[in-house]
């Protein structure tokens, strides 16, 4: 079936957020005398929902707080940072969104981020000029790698899974898109290169290439 829509991930795809997430986790864990490396983040935590990261970190390092407490600390630190400086846009993000819209594709965002994080990015980078539907982890019962965020966004766009393609940067996100029955384009940015992206249907180097590929699938 020809393509009628495209649904983008947020963290690490439209915005350069993974470095911020890593630095906050590193700061929090350092305060508990736990070393946390970029390689460790890339291998186990990049693209994974924050609550799951908190659960895994508490269990692995036997931290003196609960997973829920660690999750809340992480969210508070992140919101403080975003109130001061939003996540930077990935190169070509607005151009890619605009090109997809101009080509007649319906455009959505499906993210494991919360509503505050996504709305901050949309406002900072004017993504709302091009996006017709959004779903965050606050809107669904299960976050990625479950398909719920994609299924809800497809429903909002009034598209079947076969009529849309996902754009992702993580193994977790790719799993969510495939579980929803969608084709998936993986964008191999810095924080994606340490992950197994082989389950994606296509791999490209940047969002400009992702948009061009999606448009060619119409």
Protein backbone atom coordinates (compact mmCIF):
# COMPACT_ATOMS: atom_id res chain seq x y z
CA UNK A 1 0.00 0.00 0.00
CA UNK A 2 1.29 3.48 -0.84
CA UNK A 3 2.48 5.69 1.98
CA UNK A 4 0.14 8.37 3.34
CA UNK A 5 1.79 9.30 6.63
CA UNK A 6 4.98 9.50 8.63
CA UNK A 7 5.39 9.33 12.42
CA UNK A 8 8.58 10.59 14.04
CA UNK A 9 10.11 9.68 17.36
CA UNK A 10 11.13 12.67 19.50
CA UNK A 11 14.17 11.94 21.70
CA UNK A 12 17.30 11.43 19.63
CA UNK A 13 15.35 11.75 16.37
CA UNK A 14 13.83 15.24 16.15
CA UNK A 15 15.79 16.66 19.08
CA UNK A 16 19.29 16.04 20.37
CA UNK A 17 18.20 14.89 23.82
CA UNK A 18 20.15 11.74 24.55
CA UNK A 19 23.28 13.63 25.59
CA UNK A 20 21.19 15.62 28.08
CA UNK A 21 19.58 12.47 29.49
CA UNK A 22 23.00 10.84 29.85
CA UNK A 23 24.55 13.83 31.63
CA UNK A 24 21.66 14.05 34.11
CA UNK A 25 21.85 10.34 34.91
CA UNK A 26 25.61 10.67 35.30
CA UNK A 27 25.22 13.60 37.73
CA UNK A 28 22.59 11.83 39.83
CA UNK A 29 24.55 8.58 40.05
CA UNK A 30 27.80 10.41 40.83
CA UNK A 31 26.06 11.92 43.87
CA UNK A 32 25.58 8.32 45.05
CA UNK A 33 29.21 7.39 44.30
CA UNK A 34 28.26 5.37 41.21
CA UNK A 35 30.31 5.70 38.04
CA UNK A 36 28.21 5.84 34.86
CA UNK A 37 29.87 5.87 31.44
CA UNK A 38 28.63 6.91 28.04
CA UNK A 39 29.32 3.42 26.73
CA UNK A 40 27.11 1.96 29.47
CA UNK A 41 24.34 4.43 28.66
CA UNK A 42 24.50 3.64 24.94
CA UNK A 43 24.42 -0.10 25.50
CA UNK A 44 21.67 -0.38 28.10
CA UNK A 45 19.71 2.85 28.64
CA UNK A 46 19.58 4.96 25.47
CA UNK A 47 16.06 5.08 24.03
CA UNK A 48 14.59 3.24 27.03
CA UNK A 49 11.77 4.89 29.06
CA UNK A 50 13.00 6.78 32.12
CA UNK A 51 10.99 4.74 34.59
CA UNK A 52 12.49 1.48 33.27
CA UNK A 53 15.97 3.03 33.47
CA UNK A 54 15.32 3.98 37.09
CA UNK A 55 14.17 0.46 37.95
CA UNK A 56 17.23 -1.10 36.30
CA UNK A 57 19.71 1.32 37.88
CA UNK A 58 18.32 0.83 41.40
CA UNK A 59 18.46 -2.95 41.01
CA UNK A 60 21.93 -3.03 39.42
CA UNK A 61 23.65 -0.66 41.83
CA UNK A 62 21.53 -1.38 44.93
CA UNK A 63 20.87 2.33 45.31
CA UNK A 64 19.61 3.64 48.67
CA UNK A 65 16.36 4.97 47.16
CA UNK A 66 13.39 3.40 45.41
CA UNK A 67 12.99 3.30 41.65
CA UNK A 68 10.08 5.73 41.93
CA UNK A 69 12.18 8.18 43.96
CA UNK A 70 15.01 7.96 41.44
CA UNK A 71 12.55 8.49 38.60
CA UNK A 72 11.17 11.61 40.28
CA UNK A 73 14.67 13.03 40.88
CA UNK A 74 15.53 12.48 37.20
CA UNK A 75 12.31 14.13 36.02
CA UNK A 76 12.78 17.14 38.29
CA UNK A 77 16.35 17.66 37.07
CA UNK A 78 15.24 17.33 33.45
CA UNK A 79 12.35 19.78 33.79
CA UNK A 80 14.63 22.31 35.47
CA UNK A 81 17.07 22.04 32.59
CA UNK A 82 14.41 22.24 29.90
CA UNK A 83 12.84 25.30 31.51
CA UNK A 84 16.21 26.99 31.05
CA UNK A 85 17.37 25.44 27.76
CA UNK A 86 15.13 23.26 25.54
CA UNK A 87 16.58 20.25 23.77
CA UNK A 88 18.36 21.43 20.61
CA UNK A 89 16.77 20.47 17.33
CA UNK A 90 18.47 17.80 15.26
CA UNK A 91 19.98 19.10 12.00
CA UNK A 92 17.32 19.31 9.32
CA UNK A 93 14.40 18.49 11.62
CA UNK A 94 12.12 21.36 10.60
CA UNK A 95 13.08 20.95 6.95
CA UNK A 96 12.26 17.24 7.04
CA UNK A 97 8.89 17.88 8.69
CA UNK A 98 8.09 20.62 6.18
CA UNK A 99 9.06 18.48 3.20
CA UNK A 100 6.85 15.62 4.37
CA UNK A 101 3.91 17.97 4.90
CA UNK A 102 4.42 19.65 1.52
CA UNK A 103 4.52 16.22 -0.14
CA UNK A 104 1.04 15.55 1.22
CA UNK A 105 1.99 13.16 4.00
CA UNK A 106 0.17 13.26 7.32
CA UNK A 107 2.76 13.92 10.04
CA UNK A 108 2.74 12.73 13.65
CA UNK A 109 5.05 12.32 16.63
CA UNK A 110 5.01 9.24 18.89
CA UNK A 111 7.35 9.45 21.85
CA UNK A 112 8.33 7.79 25.09
CA UNK A 113 8.89 11.29 26.50
CA UNK A 114 6.26 12.93 28.68
CA UNK A 115 3.92 15.70 27.52
CA UNK A 116 6.00 18.47 29.10
CA UNK A 117 9.14 17.38 27.25
CA UNK A 118 7.40 17.10 23.88
CA UNK A 119 5.44 20.34 24.20
CA UNK A 120 8.63 22.17 25.17
CA UNK A 121 10.33 20.97 21.98
CA UNK A 122 7.32 21.74 19.80
CA UNK A 123 7.14 25.29 21.15
CA UNK A 124 10.90 25.91 20.98
CA UNK A 125 11.31 24.68 17.40
CA UNK A 126 7.86 25.41 15.92
CA UNK A 127 7.31 21.74 15.04
CA UNK A 128 3.59 22.33 15.49
CA UNK A 129 3.51 24.07 12.10
CA UNK A 130 3.81 20.65 10.47
CA UNK A 131 2.52 18.05 12.94
CA UNK A 132 -1.10 16.89 13.02
CA UNK A 133 -1.01 14.34 15.85
CA UNK A 134 1.14 13.64 18.90
CA UNK A 135 1.28 10.90 21.52
CA UNK A 136 3.47 10.81 24.64
CA UNK A 137 3.94 8.24 27.37
CA UNK A 138 1.38 10.19 29.41
CA UNK A 139 -1.31 9.33 26.86
CA UNK A 140 -0.99 5.53 26.86
CA UNK A 141 -0.97 2.61 29.27
CA UNK A 142 2.34 1.24 27.97
CA UNK A 143 5.33 3.13 26.64
CA UNK A 144 7.82 1.88 24.05
CA UNK A 145 8.76 -0.87 23.21
CA UNK A 146 5.00 -1.53 23.38
CA UNK A 147 3.21 -0.28 20.24
CA UNK A 148 0.69 1.93 22.08
CA UNK A 149 2.17 5.33 21.21
CA UNK A 150 2.25 4.44 17.53
CA UNK A 151 -1.20 2.88 17.51
CA UNK A 152 -2.73 5.97 19.13
CA UNK A 153 -0.99 8.30 16.68
CA UNK A 154 -2.13 6.20 13.72
CA UNK A 155 -5.68 6.43 15.05
CA UNK A 156 -5.41 10.21 15.36
CA UNK A 157 -4.14 10.47 11.78
CA UNK A 158 -6.83 8.03 10.59
CA UNK A 159 -4.23 5.78 8.99
CA UNK A 160 -3.63 2.05 9.01
CA UNK A 161 -0.19 0.75 9.99
CA UNK A 162 0.56 -0.15 6.37
CA UNK A 163 -0.10 3.44 5.28
CA UNK A 164 2.57 5.02 7.50
CA UNK A 165 6.27 4.75 8.24
CA UNK A 166 8.02 5.41 11.56
CA UNK A 167 11.31 7.28 11.97
CA UNK A 168 13.34 6.08 14.95
CA UNK A 169 16.85 6.16 16.41
CA UNK A 170 16.78 3.32 18.95
CA UNK A 171 16.22 -0.41 19.14
CA UNK A 172 13.42 0.20 21.65
CA UNK A 173 11.63 2.57 19.30
CA UNK A 174 12.07 0.28 16.32
CA UNK A 175 10.52 -2.56 18.33
CA UNK A 176 7.52 -0.34 19.11
CA UNK A 177 7.01 0.61 15.47
CA UNK A 178 7.31 -2.97 14.25
CA UNK A 179 4.94 -4.18 16.98
CA UNK A 180 2.42 -1.67 15.63
CA UNK A 181 2.79 -3.26 12.19
CA UNK A 182 4.62 -0.32 10.63
CA UNK A 183 7.62 0.00 8.39
CA UNK A 184 10.49 1.82 10.10
CA UNK A 185 13.34 4.08 9.02
CA UNK A 186 16.28 4.16 11.44
CA UNK A 187 18.39 7.32 11.62
CA UNK A 188 21.89 6.46 12.79
CA UNK A 189 22.90 9.51 14.81
CA UNK A 190 25.70 9.41 17.40
CA UNK A 191 23.69 7.90 20.23
CA UNK A 192 22.10 5.36 17.87
CA UNK A 193 25.36 3.93 16.59
CA UNK A 194 25.92 1.77 19.65
CA UNK A 195 22.58 0.03 19.17
CA UNK A 196 21.31 -2.79 16.99
CA UNK A 197 19.13 -1.07 14.38
CA UNK A 198 18.91 -4.10 12.12
CA UNK A 199 15.18 -4.64 12.73
CA UNK A 200 14.42 -1.40 10.86
CA UNK A 201 13.34 -1.70 7.24
CA UNK A 202 15.67 1.11 6.18
CA UNK A 203 18.70 2.90 7.64
CA UNK A 204 19.75 6.44 6.73
CA UNK A 205 22.25 8.96 8.03
CA UNK A 206 20.00 11.94 8.76
CA UNK A 207 16.46 13.32 8.75
CA UNK A 208 16.79 14.84 5.29
CA UNK A 209 17.43 11.38 3.89
CA UNK A 210 14.59 9.93 5.99
CA UNK A 211 12.14 12.48 4.58
CA UNK A 212 13.29 11.88 1.01
CA UNK A 213 12.91 8.13 1.46
CA UNK A 214 9.42 8.46 2.93
CA UNK A 215 8.33 10.74 0.10
CA UNK A 216 9.61 8.20 -2.44
CA UNK A 217 7.38 5.53 -0.86
CA UNK A 218 4.15 7.42 -1.60
